[in-house]
Amino acid sequence: MSDPETQNQPLLAATNQQAAFNAQGGRSSRAYKVAGITLLACVLIVGQAMIAYFLLSQRGEITSLKEQSNNLQSQMTKGRSGEEAKYSTD
């Protein structure tokens, strides 16, 4: 008869190989998670930078619209005061 330890040796070797494979799979899975989180963080940072760029590029247009609004308001008040003076003299 054969020794019980020799019968178990191939099984132990296979178990060790499987454990090593699982450990490598766990490391690659962790690497994918870290890469995914890093990619997500980069996308969020780029998105924030784009929003800031678009807001800063629109600042000039907002300022010009405010100036146009102020000019129109002053023209309207001048027009009204001219009309009032015209009617009050008659």
N, C-alpha and C. Protein backbone atom coordinates (compact mmCIF):
# COMPACT_ATOMS: atom_id res chain seq x y z
N MET A 1 0.83 -1.17 0.00
CA MET A 1 0.00 0.00 0.00
C MET A 1 0.87 1.23 0.00
N SER A 2 0.29 2.29 -0.45
CA SER A 2 1.07 3.52 -0.52
C SER A 2 0.83 4.36 0.73
N ASP A 3 1.79 5.18 0.96
CA ASP A 3 1.75 6.06 2.13
C ASP A 3 0.68 7.14 1.93
N PRO A 4 -0.14 7.45 2.94
CA PRO A 4 -1.19 8.47 2.76
C PRO A 4 -0.63 9.85 2.44
N GLU A 5 0.59 10.14 2.90
CA GLU A 5 1.16 11.46 2.61
C GLU A 5 1.50 11.60 1.13
N THR A 6 1.97 10.52 0.50
CA THR A 6 2.31 10.61 -0.92
C THR A 6 1.06 10.74 -1.77
N GLN A 7 -0.02 10.20 -1.35
CA GLN A 7 -1.26 10.34 -2.10
C GLN A 7 -1.75 11.80 -2.03
N ASN A 8 -1.53 12.45 -0.93
CA ASN A 8 -2.01 13.82 -0.76
C ASN A 8 -1.08 14.86 -1.36
N GLN A 9 0.15 14.51 -1.67
CA GLN A 9 1.09 15.51 -2.18
C GLN A 9 0.61 16.18 -3.47
N PRO A 10 0.14 15.45 -4.49
CA PRO A 10 -0.32 16.15 -5.68
C PRO A 10 -1.53 17.05 -5.39
N LEU A 11 -2.37 16.62 -4.47
CA LEU A 11 -3.52 17.45 -4.13
C LEU A 11 -3.08 18.74 -3.46
N LEU A 12 -2.10 18.68 -2.60
CA LEU A 12 -1.60 19.87 -1.95
C LEU A 12 -0.95 20.82 -2.95
N ALA A 13 -0.23 20.26 -3.91
CA ALA A 13 0.42 21.08 -4.93
C ALA A 13 -0.64 21.81 -5.77
N ALA A 14 -1.69 21.11 -6.13
CA ALA A 14 -2.77 21.72 -6.91
C ALA A 14 -3.46 22.81 -6.10
N THR A 15 -3.64 22.56 -4.81
CA THR A 15 -4.27 23.55 -3.95
C THR A 15 -3.40 24.78 -3.84
N ASN A 16 -2.10 24.61 -3.72
CA ASN A 16 -1.18 25.75 -3.64
C ASN A 16 -1.20 26.55 -4.95
N GLN A 17 -1.24 25.86 -6.07
CA GLN A 17 -1.30 26.56 -7.36
C GLN A 17 -2.61 27.34 -7.49
N GLN A 18 -3.69 26.75 -7.06
CA GLN A 18 -4.98 27.42 -7.14
C GLN A 18 -4.99 28.64 -6.21
N ALA A 19 -4.41 28.51 -5.04
CA ALA A 19 -4.35 29.64 -4.11
C ALA A 19 -3.51 30.77 -4.70
N ALA A 20 -2.40 30.40 -5.36
CA ALA A 20 -1.57 31.42 -5.99
C ALA A 20 -2.33 32.11 -7.12
N PHE A 21 -3.10 31.34 -7.89
CA PHE A 21 -3.89 31.91 -8.98
C PHE A 21 -4.96 32.87 -8.44
N ASN A 22 -5.63 32.46 -7.35
CA ASN A 22 -6.64 33.32 -6.74
C ASN A 22 -6.02 34.60 -6.20
N ALA A 23 -4.82 34.48 -5.63
CA ALA A 23 -4.15 35.67 -5.11
C ALA A 23 -3.81 36.62 -6.25
N GLN A 24 -3.36 36.10 -7.37
CA GLN A 24 -3.06 36.95 -8.52
C GLN A 24 -4.34 37.57 -9.06
N GLY A 25 -5.41 36.81 -9.10
CA GLY A 25 -6.69 37.33 -9.56
C GLY A 25 -7.16 38.45 -8.66
N GLY A 26 -6.96 38.31 -7.38
CA GLY A 26 -7.33 39.35 -6.43
C GLY A 26 -6.50 40.60 -6.66
N ARG A 27 -5.23 40.45 -6.97
CA ARG A 27 -4.38 41.61 -7.22
C ARG A 27 -4.78 42.31 -8.50
N SER A 28 -5.09 41.54 -9.55
CA SER A 28 -5.47 42.19 -10.80
C SER A 28 -6.84 42.86 -10.65
N SER A 29 -7.71 42.26 -9.87
CA SER A 29 -9.01 42.87 -9.62
C SER A 29 -8.83 44.18 -8.87
N ARG A 30 -7.93 44.18 -7.91
CA ARG A 30 -7.65 45.41 -7.16
C ARG A 30 -7.03 46.45 -8.07
N ALA A 31 -6.18 46.03 -8.96
CA ALA A 31 -5.55 46.96 -9.90
C ALA A 31 -6.61 47.58 -10.81
N TYR A 32 -7.59 46.79 -11.23
CA TYR A 32 -8.67 47.33 -12.07
C TYR A 32 -9.51 48.35 -11.28
N LYS A 33 -9.74 48.06 -10.01
CA LYS A 33 -10.51 49.00 -9.19
C LYS A 33 -9.75 50.31 -9.02
N VAL A 34 -8.46 50.22 -8.74
CA VAL A 34 -7.64 51.43 -8.58
C VAL A 34 -7.59 52.21 -9.88
N ALA A 35 -7.43 51.51 -10.99
CA ALA A 35 -7.40 52.18 -12.29
C ALA A 35 -8.74 52.84 -12.60
N GLY A 36 -9.83 52.17 -12.27
CA GLY A 36 -11.15 52.73 -12.51
C GLY A 36 -11.41 53.97 -11.67
N ILE A 37 -11.02 53.92 -10.41
CA ILE A 37 -11.21 55.08 -9.53
C ILE A 37 -10.33 56.23 -9.99
N THR A 38 -9.10 55.92 -10.40
CA THR A 38 -8.21 56.97 -10.91
C THR A 38 -8.78 57.59 -12.17
N LEU A 39 -9.30 56.78 -13.06
CA LEU A 39 -9.91 57.29 -14.29
C LEU A 39 -11.12 58.17 -13.97
N LEU A 40 -11.94 57.73 -13.05
CA LEU A 40 -13.11 58.52 -12.65
C LEU A 40 -12.69 59.86 -12.07
N ALA A 41 -11.67 59.86 -11.23
CA ALA A 41 -11.19 61.12 -10.63
C ALA A 41 -10.66 62.05 -11.72
N CYS A 42 -9.94 61.51 -12.69
CA CYS A 42 -9.42 62.33 -13.79
C CYS A 42 -10.56 62.92 -14.61
N VAL A 43 -11.57 62.14 -14.89
CA VAL A 43 -12.71 62.64 -15.67
C VAL A 43 -13.43 63.75 -14.91
N LEU A 44 -13.59 63.59 -13.60
CA LEU A 44 -14.24 64.62 -12.80
C LEU A 44 -13.42 65.91 -12.77
N ILE A 45 -12.11 65.78 -12.66
CA ILE A 45 -11.25 66.96 -12.64
C ILE A 45 -11.29 67.68 -13.98
N VAL A 46 -11.24 66.92 -15.07
CA VAL A 46 -11.31 67.54 -16.40
C VAL A 46 -12.67 68.21 -16.59
N GLY A 47 -13.73 67.61 -16.11
CA GLY A 47 -15.05 68.21 -16.21
C GLY A 47 -15.12 69.54 -15.46
N GLN A 48 -14.55 69.58 -14.27
CA GLN A 48 -14.54 70.82 -13.51
C GLN A 48 -13.72 71.89 -14.22
N ALA A 49 -12.60 71.50 -14.81
CA ALA A 49 -11.77 72.46 -15.55
C ALA A 49 -12.51 73.00 -16.76
N MET A 50 -13.25 72.16 -17.45
CA MET A 50 -14.02 72.62 -18.62
C MET A 50 -15.11 73.59 -18.20
N ILE A 51 -15.80 73.31 -17.12
CA ILE A 51 -16.85 74.21 -16.63
C ILE A 51 -16.25 75.56 -16.28
N ALA A 52 -15.11 75.56 -15.59
CA ALA A 52 -14.46 76.83 -15.24
C ALA A 52 -14.05 77.59 -16.49
N TYR A 53 -13.52 76.89 -17.48
CA TYR A 53 -13.12 77.54 -18.73
C TYR A 53 -14.33 78.18 -19.43
N PHE A 54 -15.42 77.46 -19.53
CA PHE A 54 -16.61 77.99 -20.21
C PHE A 54 -17.19 79.18 -19.45
N LEU A 55 -17.19 79.11 -18.13
CA LEU A 55 -17.70 80.24 -17.35
C LEU A 55 -16.82 81.47 -17.53
N LEU A 56 -15.52 81.27 -17.53
CA LEU A 56 -14.61 82.41 -17.71
C LEU A 56 -14.72 82.98 -19.12
N SER A 57 -14.93 82.12 -20.11
CA SER A 57 -15.05 82.62 -21.48
C SER A 57 -16.36 83.37 -21.68
N GLN A 58 -17.38 83.09 -20.91
CA GLN A 58 -18.66 83.77 -21.04
C GLN A 58 -18.70 85.08 -20.24
N ARG A 59 -17.72 85.31 -19.38
CA ARG A 59 -17.73 86.50 -18.54
C ARG A 59 -17.74 87.77 -19.38
N GLY A 60 -16.98 87.83 -20.46
CA GLY A 60 -16.95 89.00 -21.33
C GLY A 60 -18.29 89.27 -21.97
N GLU A 61 -18.97 88.22 -22.39
CA GLU A 61 -20.28 88.40 -23.01
C GLU A 61 -21.32 88.87 -21.99
N ILE A 62 -21.23 88.39 -20.78
CA ILE A 62 -22.16 88.83 -19.74
C ILE A 62 -21.93 90.31 -19.44
N THR A 63 -20.68 90.71 -19.38
CA THR A 63 -20.36 92.12 -19.13
C THR A 63 -20.90 93.00 -20.25
N SER A 64 -20.73 92.57 -21.50
CA SER A 64 -21.22 93.39 -22.62
C SER A 64 -22.75 93.45 -22.61
N LEU A 65 -23.42 92.38 -22.23
CA LEU A 65 -24.87 92.41 -22.12
C LEU A 65 -25.34 93.37 -21.03
N LYS A 66 -24.62 93.41 -19.92
CA LYS A 66 -24.95 94.35 -18.85
C LYS A 66 -24.80 95.79 -19.35
N GLU A 67 -23.73 96.06 -20.09
CA GLU A 67 -23.51 97.40 -20.62
C GLU A 67 -24.62 97.78 -21.60
N GLN A 68 -25.00 96.86 -22.45
CA GLN A 68 -26.09 97.13 -23.40
C GLN A 68 -27.40 97.40 -22.66
N SER A 69 -27.65 96.65 -21.61
CA SER A 69 -28.87 96.84 -20.83
C SER A 69 -28.87 98.22 -20.18
N ASN A 70 -27.73 98.61 -19.63
CA ASN A 70 -27.63 99.93 -19.01
C ASN A 70 -27.82 101.04 -20.05
N ASN A 71 -27.24 100.87 -21.23
CA ASN A 71 -27.41 101.86 -22.30
C ASN A 71 -28.88 101.97 -22.71
N LEU A 72 -29.56 100.85 -22.85
CA LEU A 72 -30.97 100.87 -23.22
C LEU A 72 -31.81 101.53 -22.13
N GLN A 73 -31.49 101.25 -20.89
CA GLN A 73 -32.23 101.88 -19.79
C GLN A 73 -32.03 103.39 -19.80
N SER A 74 -30.80 103.83 -20.02
CA SER A 74 -30.56 105.28 -20.05
C SER A 74 -31.25 105.92 -21.24
N GLN A 75 -31.30 105.24 -22.37
CA GLN A 75 -32.00 105.78 -23.54
C GLN A 75 -33.50 105.85 -23.28
N MET A 76 -34.03 104.84 -22.61
CA MET A 76 -35.46 104.85 -22.30
C MET A 76 -35.80 105.99 -21.34
N THR A 77 -34.97 106.20 -20.33
CA THR A 77 -35.26 107.28 -19.38
C THR A 77 -35.10 108.64 -20.05
N LYS A 78 -34.13 108.79 -20.95
CA LYS A 78 -33.97 110.05 -21.68
C LYS A 78 -35.16 110.28 -22.61
N GLY A 79 -35.60 109.23 -23.25
CA GLY A 79 -36.75 109.34 -24.15
C GLY A 79 -38.00 109.73 -23.39
N ARG A 80 -38.22 109.16 -22.23
CA ARG A 80 -39.40 109.47 -21.43
C ARG A 80 -39.33 110.91 -20.91
N SER A 81 -38.18 111.31 -20.46
CA SER A 81 -38.08 112.68 -19.94
C SER A 81 -38.24 113.70 -21.06
N GLY A 82 -37.81 113.38 -22.28
CA GLY A 82 -38.01 114.28 -23.42
C GLY A 82 -39.47 114.35 -23.79
N GLU A 83 -40.18 113.23 -23.73
CA GLU A 83 -41.61 113.22 -24.05
C GLU A 83 -42.40 113.99 -23.01
N GLU A 84 -42.04 113.86 -21.74
CA GLU A 84 -42.74 114.57 -20.68
C GLU A 84 -42.55 116.09 -20.82
N ALA A 85 -41.33 116.48 -21.16
CA ALA A 85 -41.07 117.91 -21.34
C ALA A 85 -41.86 118.46 -22.52
N LYS A 86 -41.98 117.64 -23.58
CA LYS A 86 -42.71 118.07 -24.78
C LYS A 86 -44.19 118.27 -24.47
N TYR A 87 -44.77 117.34 -23.71
CA TYR A 87 -46.19 117.44 -23.38
C TYR A 87 -46.46 118.52 -22.34
N SER A 88 -45.53 118.77 -21.45
CA SER A 88 -45.78 119.75 -20.40
C SER A 88 -45.68 121.18 -20.93
N THR A 89 -44.97 121.41 -22.01
CA THR A 89 -44.86 122.76 -22.57
C THR A 89 -46.07 123.12 -23.41
N ASP A 90 -46.83 122.17 -23.89
CA ASP A 90 -47.99 122.45 -24.74
C ASP A 90 -49.15 122.95 -24.01
